[in-house]
Amino acid sequence: MTDPLAPAAPSEGEAHASLLDPALEAAILQAVEDGFDAQIGFTCDLVRFASRRGAERPAQEWLARQLSDRGYGVKSFLVDLAKIHDHPGFSPVTVDYRDALNVIATHEPRTPRGKSLILNGHMDVVPEGPLDMWQVSPPYEPKIVDGWLHGRGAGDMKAGIAANVFALDALRRLGYQPAARVHIQSVVEEECTGNGALACLVEGYTADAAIIPEPEDERLVRANVGVLWFEVLVAGHPVHVREAGSGANAIEASFRVIESLKRLTEAWNGEKHACPPFADHPHPINFNLGQIEGGDWASSVPSWCRMNCRIAIYPGDDPKDRARQIEEHLARDLAGDSFLGNRPPQITWNGFFARGFVLPDNTEAEQALARAHRRATGSDLETMVSTAYLDARVFVIYADIPCLVYGPVTRGIHGFDERVSLASVKRITGAIALFIASWCGLEPIDV
């Protein structure tokens, strides 16, 4: 009788950890299927937590209990600014971190023989916007319609957190556990700074590879941009509206600042051919005016306007250099403005100050994921580049850990009626379970 834990013979030119016995692969995928109803329920429970920035703690504590009940060693810790402030991957913050709680669950094998792994996900979600614009269900009341699970965070990325947990559950259902150390990480601050994942690294959590099941339509991210967040404060000259011509309207002046930043964005997009991963991308550098507020009274010329902005930078760019370019561009471009030339806008860097990354080609980890994906989905693994921020930069740049960003099909993330394909979640969970079995190796739970 064939030993299901014995490695299969590799095909020519295929190097890697261990190849799995086909019967074991089928059993793992069936175990994922058998546990999928429970996985959906677990994901719905997560979606019910309104885990916006600063409010993640209840969800994190719930997850910590779930992981502890599974027998993992669980550690929760607050992001400590003093520990990460001087790290080159740190992003500046203006908020209180007293509830910025990370959760780490660790599996330790009896006899380590495989490669170690981090399964990472983020618990924070973006604000939901006006509730009356959600058409299918309120954002924190999960609802399944035609095979899609709706709710804020369902795709980005609570389905991914659940996939990490239930991939391991599937192996346990068969009586196996990884034959290597595995850290399950649930972090905060992914949507605004990346400091949550960075804090885990500074605390000493490393591995031979990492997986982040971000919603990437079942593709592997080959590269992603860096991101800068900044606040622009424009000061005006207030007068009564009857004398509007003698004042300076800060809100109207802010429009000229935005047009200047759009010109800079197009100039940066013109540099894409110097960055091979993005050379063929139609518009890799996106600028966004995300928030704007200003003025105090409808009949007073506004004396202030504050804007919160986001812009991308290329992999390899130093955030400090690009930040300086923004400041110098605005000073130069607005020098001739009748008002802003004498009272330039003030910039504060208040969030993402993050580099982009490029995943090395054809690592052993990527090969293992490609095989797992092919077995779970019946198709070859495709790659993509991302114009969004990803925590993978922490692993790839600062720890030389291959980080595989690979997750389910979604629609509407950061928008209304966010949803994730449950069929896709099942495929992703199966691929992650197969990857764990191959990368880490397996050992029986009971001896």
Protein backbone atom coordinates (compact mmCIF):
# COMPACT_ATOMS: atom_id res chain seq x y z
CA MET A 1 0.00 0.00 0.00
CA THR A 2 1.34 3.44 -0.90
CA ASP A 3 2.28 5.70 2.01
CA PRO A 4 0.27 8.93 1.46
CA LEU A 5 3.00 10.95 3.17
CA ALA A 6 5.73 9.61 0.92
CA PRO A 7 6.76 12.18 -1.71
CA ALA A 8 5.77 11.51 -5.30
CA ALA A 9 8.48 11.36 -7.92
CA PRO A 10 9.22 14.83 -9.32
CA SER A 11 8.81 15.43 -13.00
CA GLU A 12 11.86 16.40 -15.03
CA GLY A 13 13.16 19.87 -14.19
CA GLU A 14 10.81 20.23 -11.21
CA ALA A 15 12.63 21.06 -8.01
CA HIS A 16 10.87 21.68 -4.80
CA ALA A 17 9.87 20.65 -1.31
CA SER A 18 7.84 17.45 -1.64
CA LEU A 19 5.34 16.45 -4.27
CA LEU A 20 2.17 14.93 -2.91
CA ASP A 21 0.66 11.55 -3.59
CA PRO A 22 -2.36 12.08 -5.91
CA ALA A 23 -4.62 10.19 -3.52
CA LEU A 24 -3.60 12.48 -0.69
CA GLU A 25 -4.23 15.55 -2.85
CA ALA A 26 -7.74 14.32 -3.59
CA ALA A 27 -8.33 13.63 0.10
CA ILE A 28 -7.19 17.15 1.05
CA LEU A 29 -9.51 18.77 -1.47
CA GLN A 30 -12.39 16.61 -0.22
CA ALA A 31 -11.58 17.64 3.35
CA VAL A 32 -11.85 21.29 2.29
CA GLU A 33 -15.22 20.50 0.72
CA ASP A 34 -16.38 18.72 3.88
CA GLY A 35 -15.56 21.72 6.05
CA PHE A 36 -16.76 24.42 3.71
CA ASP A 37 -20.17 25.06 5.29
CA ALA A 38 -18.40 25.71 8.60
CA GLN A 39 -15.91 27.94 6.77
CA ILE A 40 -18.73 30.05 5.33
CA GLY A 41 -20.24 30.42 8.79
CA PHE A 42 -16.85 31.43 10.22
CA THR A 43 -16.43 34.03 7.48
CA CYS A 44 -19.91 35.42 8.11
CA ASP A 45 -19.08 35.74 11.81
CA LEU A 46 -16.01 37.78 10.89
CA VAL A 47 -17.98 40.02 8.54
CA ARG A 48 -20.38 40.90 11.35
CA PHE A 49 -17.57 42.72 13.14
CA ALA A 50 -17.33 46.35 11.98
CA SER A 51 -13.54 46.20 12.21
CA ARG A 52 -12.69 49.63 10.84
CA ARG A 53 -9.41 51.29 11.77
CA GLY A 54 -9.18 51.59 15.56
CA ALA A 55 -12.13 49.22 16.08
CA GLU A 56 -10.52 45.89 15.13
CA ARG A 57 -10.01 44.62 18.66
CA PRO A 58 -13.34 42.76 19.18
CA ALA A 59 -12.83 40.85 15.92
CA GLN A 60 -9.21 40.13 16.77
CA GLU A 61 -10.11 38.84 20.23
CA TRP A 62 -12.82 36.62 18.72
CA LEU A 63 -10.34 35.20 16.23
CA ALA A 64 -7.76 34.65 18.98
CA ARG A 65 -10.29 32.52 20.87
CA GLN A 66 -11.11 30.51 17.75
CA LEU A 67 -7.44 29.80 17.16
CA SER A 68 -6.78 28.98 20.81
CA ASP A 69 -9.70 26.52 20.77
CA ARG A 70 -7.93 24.76 17.91
CA GLY A 71 -4.90 24.20 20.13
CA TYR A 72 -2.53 26.78 18.66
CA GLY A 73 -0.27 28.87 20.82
CA VAL A 74 -1.79 32.36 20.52
CA LYS A 75 -0.10 35.67 21.23
CA SER A 76 -1.81 39.04 20.93
CA PHE A 77 0.15 42.28 21.10
CA LEU A 78 -0.40 45.94 20.48
CA VAL A 79 1.56 47.65 17.73
CA ASP A 80 4.32 49.51 19.60
CA LEU A 81 5.35 52.68 17.78
CA ALA A 82 8.58 52.88 19.77
CA LYS A 83 9.67 49.51 18.36
CA ILE A 84 8.92 50.23 14.70
CA HIS A 85 9.40 54.00 14.41
CA ASP A 86 13.00 53.79 13.19
CA HIS A 87 12.49 50.83 10.86
CA PRO A 88 12.89 51.75 7.17
CA GLY A 89 9.47 50.27 6.45
CA PHE A 90 7.64 52.45 8.99
CA SER A 91 4.76 54.68 7.89
CA PRO A 92 3.99 57.83 9.93
CA VAL A 93 0.73 57.91 11.87
CA THR A 94 -1.38 60.53 13.60
CA VAL A 95 -3.79 58.16 15.40
CA ASP A 96 -3.69 56.37 18.75
CA TYR A 97 -2.54 52.73 18.66
CA ARG A 98 -3.98 51.75 22.05
CA ASP A 99 -6.31 49.22 20.35
CA ALA A 100 -4.11 48.32 17.36
CA LEU A 101 -4.03 44.62 18.23
CA ASN A 102 -2.23 41.97 16.19
CA VAL A 103 -2.95 38.26 16.67
CA ILE A 104 -0.43 35.48 16.00
CA ALA A 105 -1.25 31.78 16.32
CA THR A 106 1.62 29.33 16.04
CA HIS A 107 1.68 25.66 15.18
CA GLU A 108 4.81 23.78 16.26
CA PRO A 109 5.46 20.31 14.77
CA ARG A 110 6.71 17.39 16.78
CA THR A 111 9.54 16.72 14.33
CA PRO A 112 10.38 19.69 12.11
CA ARG A 113 11.37 18.55 8.64
CA GLY A 114 9.57 20.84 6.20
CA LYS A 115 9.78 24.53 5.38
CA SER A 116 8.20 27.08 7.69
CA LEU A 117 5.32 29.29 6.62
CA ILE A 118 3.43 32.46 7.52
CA LEU A 119 -0.27 32.66 6.67
CA ASN A 120 -1.04 36.37 6.84
CA GLY A 121 -4.24 38.39 6.58
CA HIS A 122 -5.53 41.76 7.71
CA MET A 123 -8.59 42.33 9.90
CA ASP A 124 -9.08 46.05 9.23
CA VAL A 125 -11.71 47.13 6.72
CA VAL A 126 -12.36 50.47 5.05
CA PRO A 127 -15.37 52.65 5.98
CA GLU A 128 -18.65 51.52 4.49
CA GLY A 129 -19.96 54.85 3.21
CA PRO A 130 -23.66 55.84 3.27
CA LEU A 131 -25.65 52.82 4.43
CA ASP A 132 -28.59 53.58 2.15
CA MET A 133 -26.35 52.99 -0.87
CA TRP A 134 -25.86 49.31 0.00
CA GLN A 135 -28.47 47.53 -2.12
CA VAL A 136 -28.19 43.83 -1.22
CA SER A 137 -27.77 43.97 2.55
CA PRO A 138 -26.34 46.32 5.19
CA PRO A 139 -22.53 46.15 5.19
CA TYR A 140 -22.14 44.13 8.39
CA GLU A 141 -25.06 41.77 7.82
CA PRO A 142 -23.54 39.06 5.60
CA LYS A 143 -25.83 37.66 2.95
CA ILE A 144 -25.31 34.99 0.30
CA VAL A 145 -26.88 35.66 -3.10
CA ASP A 146 -26.25 33.47 -6.16
CA GLY A 147 -23.02 32.07 -4.75
CA TRP A 148 -21.60 35.41 -3.61
CA LEU A 149 -21.10 36.37 0.04
CA HIS A 150 -21.89 40.08 0.49
CA GLY A 151 -20.59 42.35 3.24
CA ARG A 152 -17.89 44.88 4.05
CA GLY A 153 -14.64 42.97 4.38
CA ALA A 154 -16.07 39.75 2.94
CA GLY A 155 -13.54 39.88 0.12
CA ASP A 156 -10.96 42.30 1.51
CA MET A 157 -10.02 40.18 3.27
CA LYS A 158 -11.94 38.16 5.82
CA ALA A 159 -12.57 35.33 3.37
CA GLY A 160 -8.78 35.12 3.07
CA ILE A 161 -8.29 34.93 6.85
CA ALA A 162 -10.85 32.13 6.96
CA ALA A 163 -9.14 30.34 4.06
CA ASN A 164 -5.86 30.32 5.99
CA VAL A 165 -7.53 28.82 9.07
CA PHE A 166 -9.67 26.28 7.26
CA ALA A 167 -6.84 25.08 5.01
CA LEU A 168 -5.15 23.91 8.20
CA ASP A 169 -8.46 22.57 9.50
CA ALA A 170 -8.80 20.41 6.39
CA LEU A 171 -5.45 18.77 7.08
CA ARG A 172 -6.43 18.19 10.72
CA ARG A 173 -9.67 16.60 9.54
CA LEU A 174 -7.53 13.98 7.80
CA GLY A 175 -5.41 13.45 10.92
CA TYR A 176 -2.40 15.46 9.72
CA GLN A 177 -0.61 18.63 10.73
CA PRO A 178 2.26 20.57 9.12
CA ALA A 179 5.73 19.14 9.73
CA ALA A 180 7.10 22.68 10.10
CA ARG A 181 6.36 25.81 12.07
CA VAL A 182 3.36 27.78 10.82
CA HIS A 183 2.37 31.25 12.01
CA ILE A 184 -1.19 32.43 11.37
CA GLN A 185 -1.11 36.23 11.44
CA SER A 186 -4.12 38.53 11.63
CA VAL A 187 -2.88 42.10 11.49
CA VAL A 188 -4.23 45.64 11.60
CA GLU A 189 -3.27 48.80 9.70
CA GLU A 190 -3.03 47.18 6.25
CA GLU A 191 -5.48 49.65 4.75
CA CYS A 192 -3.58 52.74 5.92
CA THR A 193 0.09 52.20 6.92
CA GLY A 194 1.25 48.59 6.78
CA ASN A 195 2.56 49.00 10.31
CA GLY A 196 0.69 45.94 11.60
CA ALA A 197 2.57 43.47 9.42
CA LEU A 198 5.78 45.40 10.04
CA ALA A 199 5.29 45.05 13.80
CA CYS A 200 5.04 41.26 13.41
CA LEU A 201 8.36 41.23 11.59
CA VAL A 202 10.00 43.43 14.23
CA GLU A 203 8.67 41.06 16.91
CA GLY A 204 10.70 38.31 15.23
CA TYR A 205 8.12 36.36 13.23
CA THR A 206 9.79 35.04 10.09
CA ALA A 207 9.49 31.96 7.90
CA ASP A 208 10.71 30.37 4.69
CA ALA A 209 7.66 31.69 2.79
CA ALA A 210 4.42 33.59 3.33
CA ILE A 211 0.97 33.55 1.77
CA ILE A 212 -1.50 36.45 1.85
CA PRO A 213 -4.92 35.54 0.36
CA GLU A 214 -5.80 39.06 -0.79
CA PRO A 215 -8.62 39.30 -3.36
CA GLU A 216 -6.60 38.92 -6.56
CA ASP A 217 -8.96 36.83 -8.72
CA GLU A 218 -6.98 33.60 -8.24
CA ARG A 219 -3.79 35.13 -9.62
CA LEU A 220 -0.35 35.55 -8.09
CA VAL A 221 0.89 39.11 -7.67
CA ARG A 222 4.26 39.54 -9.37
CA ALA A 223 4.79 43.17 -8.35
CA ASN A 224 2.97 46.02 -6.70
CA VAL A 225 3.37 49.75 -6.35
CA GLY A 226 4.38 51.63 -3.26
CA VAL A 227 1.97 54.13 -1.75
CA LEU A 228 2.16 57.55 -0.12
CA TRP A 229 -0.56 59.17 1.96
CA PHE A 230 -0.48 62.87 2.70
CA GLU A 231 -2.60 65.74 3.93
CA VAL A 232 -2.64 69.08 2.12
CA LEU A 233 -3.72 72.14 4.09
CA VAL A 234 -4.58 75.27 2.12
CA ALA A 235 -4.99 78.50 4.07
CA GLY A 236 -7.24 81.26 2.70
CA HIS A 237 -8.15 84.82 3.66
CA PRO A 238 -11.63 85.02 5.22
CA VAL A 239 -13.98 87.93 4.63
CA HIS A 240 -17.72 88.44 4.60
CA VAL A 241 -19.25 87.24 1.34
CA ARG A 242 -20.27 90.82 0.52
CA GLU A 243 -16.53 91.52 0.10
CA ALA A 244 -15.64 88.18 -1.51
CA GLY A 245 -13.39 89.76 -4.08
CA SER A 246 -11.04 91.02 -1.38
CA GLY A 247 -10.60 87.61 0.24
CA ALA A 248 -9.02 84.33 -0.84
CA ASN A 249 -11.18 81.20 -0.98
CA ALA A 250 -9.16 78.25 0.39
CA ILE A 251 -11.55 75.69 -1.08
CA GLU A 252 -11.31 77.16 -4.57
CA ALA A 253 -7.53 77.41 -4.23
CA SER A 254 -7.42 73.72 -3.32
CA PHE A 255 -8.80 72.90 -6.78
CA ARG A 256 -5.63 74.36 -8.29
CA VAL A 257 -3.52 72.22 -5.96
CA ILE A 258 -5.38 69.11 -7.10
CA GLU A 259 -4.90 69.94 -10.78
CA SER A 260 -1.19 70.41 -10.10
CA LEU A 261 -0.99 66.98 -8.44
CA LYS A 262 -2.78 65.45 -11.42
CA ARG A 263 -0.14 66.93 -13.73
CA LEU A 264 2.56 65.37 -11.57
CA THR A 265 0.75 62.03 -11.70
CA GLU A 266 0.78 62.02 -15.49
CA ALA A 267 4.48 62.89 -15.49
CA TRP A 268 5.17 59.94 -13.24
CA ASN A 269 3.09 57.64 -15.46
CA GLY A 270 5.39 58.72 -18.28
CA GLU A 271 8.26 57.05 -16.40
CA LYS A 272 6.72 53.57 -16.45
CA HIS A 273 9.06 52.20 -19.12
CA ALA A 274 11.90 52.47 -16.62
CA CYS A 275 10.07 49.96 -14.40
CA PRO A 276 9.76 46.69 -16.38
CA PRO A 277 6.94 45.08 -14.34
CA PHE A 278 4.71 48.08 -15.08
CA ALA A 279 6.02 49.07 -18.51
CA ASP A 280 2.92 47.72 -20.27
CA HIS A 281 0.41 48.80 -17.64
CA PRO A 282 -1.94 51.50 -18.98
CA HIS A 283 -1.81 53.67 -15.85
CA PRO A 284 0.29 52.34 -12.96
CA ILE A 285 0.46 55.56 -10.94
CA ASN A 286 -2.94 56.54 -9.61
CA PHE A 287 -3.65 59.66 -7.57
CA ASN A 288 -6.75 59.94 -5.41
CA LEU A 289 -8.29 62.83 -3.53
CA GLY A 290 -9.94 60.71 -0.86
CA GLN A 291 -11.27 63.31 1.59
CA ILE A 292 -11.84 67.05 1.54
CA GLU A 293 -13.26 69.46 4.10
CA GLY A 294 -13.07 73.17 4.58
CA GLY A 295 -14.67 76.40 5.60
CA ASP A 296 -16.78 77.36 8.57
CA TRP A 297 -19.80 79.30 7.31
CA ALA A 298 -21.79 79.55 4.08
CA SER A 299 -21.57 83.35 4.10
CA SER A 300 -17.86 83.56 4.89
CA VAL A 301 -15.07 83.12 2.36
CA PRO A 302 -13.41 79.94 3.68
CA SER A 303 -10.12 80.37 5.48
CA TRP A 304 -9.03 76.73 5.28
CA CYS A 305 -9.35 73.55 3.26
CA ARG A 306 -7.89 70.19 4.20
CA MET A 307 -7.46 67.34 1.72
CA ASN A 308 -6.31 63.76 2.30
CA CYS A 309 -4.59 62.28 -0.73
CA ARG A 310 -3.05 59.06 -1.96
CA ILE A 311 -0.54 58.52 -4.77
CA ALA A 312 1.41 55.50 -5.97
CA ILE A 313 5.14 55.15 -6.58
CA TYR A 314 7.09 52.53 -8.53
CA PRO A 315 8.86 49.53 -7.01
CA GLY A 316 12.41 50.62 -6.31
CA ASP A 317 11.38 54.21 -5.58
CA ASP A 318 12.41 55.61 -2.20
CA PRO A 319 9.33 57.13 -0.52
CA LYS A 320 11.48 59.97 0.82
CA ASP A 321 12.61 60.89 -2.69
CA ARG A 322 9.11 60.83 -4.11
CA ALA A 323 7.75 62.81 -1.16
CA ARG A 324 10.36 65.47 -1.77
CA GLN A 325 9.43 65.54 -5.47
CA ILE A 326 5.80 66.23 -4.55
CA GLU A 327 6.77 69.10 -2.28
CA GLU A 328 9.17 70.59 -4.84
CA HIS A 329 6.69 70.18 -7.69
CA LEU A 330 3.92 72.03 -5.85
CA ALA A 331 6.28 74.83 -4.86
CA ARG A 332 7.48 75.22 -8.45
CA ASP A 333 4.17 74.65 -10.22
CA LEU A 334 2.20 77.03 -8.02
CA ALA A 335 4.86 79.73 -7.73
CA GLY A 336 3.01 81.93 -10.24
CA ASP A 337 -0.39 81.52 -8.60
CA SER A 338 -1.67 84.90 -7.42
CA PHE A 339 -2.47 83.52 -3.98
CA LEU A 340 -0.76 80.14 -3.51
CA GLY A 341 2.53 81.54 -4.71
CA ASN A 342 2.70 83.61 -1.55
CA ARG A 343 0.95 81.16 0.74
CA PRO A 344 1.93 77.64 -0.42
CA PRO A 345 -0.02 74.61 0.75
CA GLN A 346 1.32 72.74 3.76
CA ILE A 347 1.92 68.99 3.40
CA THR A 348 1.86 66.44 6.22
CA TRP A 349 2.79 62.79 5.62
CA ASN A 350 0.17 60.92 7.60
CA GLY A 351 -0.07 57.28 6.53
CA PHE A 352 1.42 54.98 3.90
CA PHE A 353 5.07 55.76 3.29
CA ALA A 354 5.64 52.40 1.68
CA ARG A 355 7.86 50.97 -1.02
CA GLY A 356 6.55 48.71 -3.74
CA PHE A 357 7.99 45.25 -4.31
CA VAL A 358 8.82 42.82 -7.09
CA LEU A 359 8.52 39.10 -6.36
CA PRO A 360 11.52 37.16 -7.69
CA ASP A 361 10.62 34.89 -10.59
CA ASN A 362 10.08 31.18 -10.22
CA THR A 363 11.03 30.70 -6.59
CA GLU A 364 10.53 27.29 -5.06
CA ALA A 365 7.52 28.67 -3.22
CA GLU A 366 5.96 29.90 -6.46
CA GLN A 367 6.51 26.52 -8.08
CA ALA A 368 4.77 24.82 -5.16
CA LEU A 369 1.82 27.23 -5.37
CA ALA A 370 1.56 26.76 -9.14
CA ARG A 371 1.22 23.01 -8.65
CA ALA A 372 -1.29 23.43 -5.84
CA HIS A 373 -3.33 25.91 -7.88
CA ARG A 374 -3.35 23.63 -10.92
CA ARG A 375 -4.58 20.70 -8.83
CA ALA A 376 -7.26 22.75 -7.03
CA THR A 377 -8.57 24.69 -10.04
CA GLY A 378 -7.63 22.68 -13.11
CA SER A 379 -5.90 25.68 -14.68
CA ASP A 380 -2.41 27.16 -14.79
CA LEU A 381 -1.51 29.87 -12.31
CA GLU A 382 -1.57 33.35 -13.86
CA THR A 383 0.37 36.32 -12.54
CA MET A 384 -0.46 40.02 -12.39
CA VAL A 385 0.87 43.34 -11.16
CA SER A 386 -1.09 45.35 -8.63
CA THR A 387 -1.60 49.10 -8.37
CA ALA A 388 -2.78 48.74 -4.76
CA TYR A 389 -0.79 48.52 -1.55
CA LEU A 390 0.01 45.04 -0.22
CA ASP A 391 1.63 43.94 3.06
CA ALA A 392 3.82 41.57 1.05
CA ARG A 393 6.38 44.38 0.76
CA VAL A 394 7.22 43.82 4.46
CA PHE A 395 8.22 40.21 3.82
CA VAL A 396 9.87 40.60 0.42
CA ILE A 397 11.86 43.79 1.01
CA TYR A 398 12.77 43.64 4.69
CA ALA A 399 13.07 39.91 5.36
CA ASP A 400 13.86 38.38 1.96
CA ILE A 401 10.86 36.07 2.37
CA PRO A 402 9.00 35.08 -0.81
CA CYS A 403 5.45 36.25 -0.22
CA LEU A 404 2.70 34.83 -2.39
CA VAL A 405 -0.27 37.20 -2.66
CA TYR A 406 -3.01 34.98 -4.04
CA GLY A 407 -6.70 35.05 -3.21
CA PRO A 408 -10.29 34.74 -4.37
CA VAL A 409 -12.46 36.45 -6.96
CA THR A 410 -14.27 39.49 -5.58
CA ARG A 411 -16.35 42.45 -6.68
CA GLY A 412 -16.91 45.86 -5.13
CA ILE A 413 -14.07 45.94 -2.61
CA HIS A 414 -13.78 49.42 -1.05
CA GLY A 415 -17.16 50.14 -2.63
CA PHE A 416 -20.83 49.29 -2.12
CA ASP A 417 -22.10 45.70 -2.08
CA GLU A 418 -18.64 44.19 -1.62
CA ARG A 419 -18.81 40.46 -2.28
CA VAL A 420 -16.67 37.37 -2.73
CA SER A 421 -17.27 34.28 -4.86
CA LEU A 422 -17.73 31.29 -2.57
CA ALA A 423 -16.76 28.85 -5.32
CA SER A 424 -13.52 30.78 -5.71
CA VAL A 425 -12.93 30.80 -1.95
CA LYS A 426 -13.25 27.01 -1.93
CA ARG A 427 -10.70 26.69 -4.73
CA ILE A 428 -8.28 29.06 -2.99
CA THR A 429 -8.65 27.21 0.31
CA GLY A 430 -7.91 23.92 -1.45
CA ALA A 431 -4.82 25.38 -3.12
CA ILE A 432 -3.54 26.77 0.19
CA ALA A 433 -4.11 23.43 1.92
CA LEU A 434 -2.21 21.61 -0.84
CA PHE A 435 0.57 24.19 -0.66
CA ILE A 436 0.91 23.73 3.11
CA ALA A 437 1.07 19.95 2.72
CA SER A 438 3.74 20.22 0.03
CA TRP A 439 5.79 23.11 1.46
CA CYS A 440 5.71 22.20 5.13
CA GLY A 441 5.33 18.46 4.80
CA LEU A 442 2.87 16.54 6.96
CA GLU A 443 3.03 14.44 10.08
CA PRO A 444 0.25 12.49 11.81
CA ILE A 445 -1.44 14.37 14.63
CA ASP A 446 -1.58 11.24 16.78
CA VAL A 447 1.40 8.93 17.19
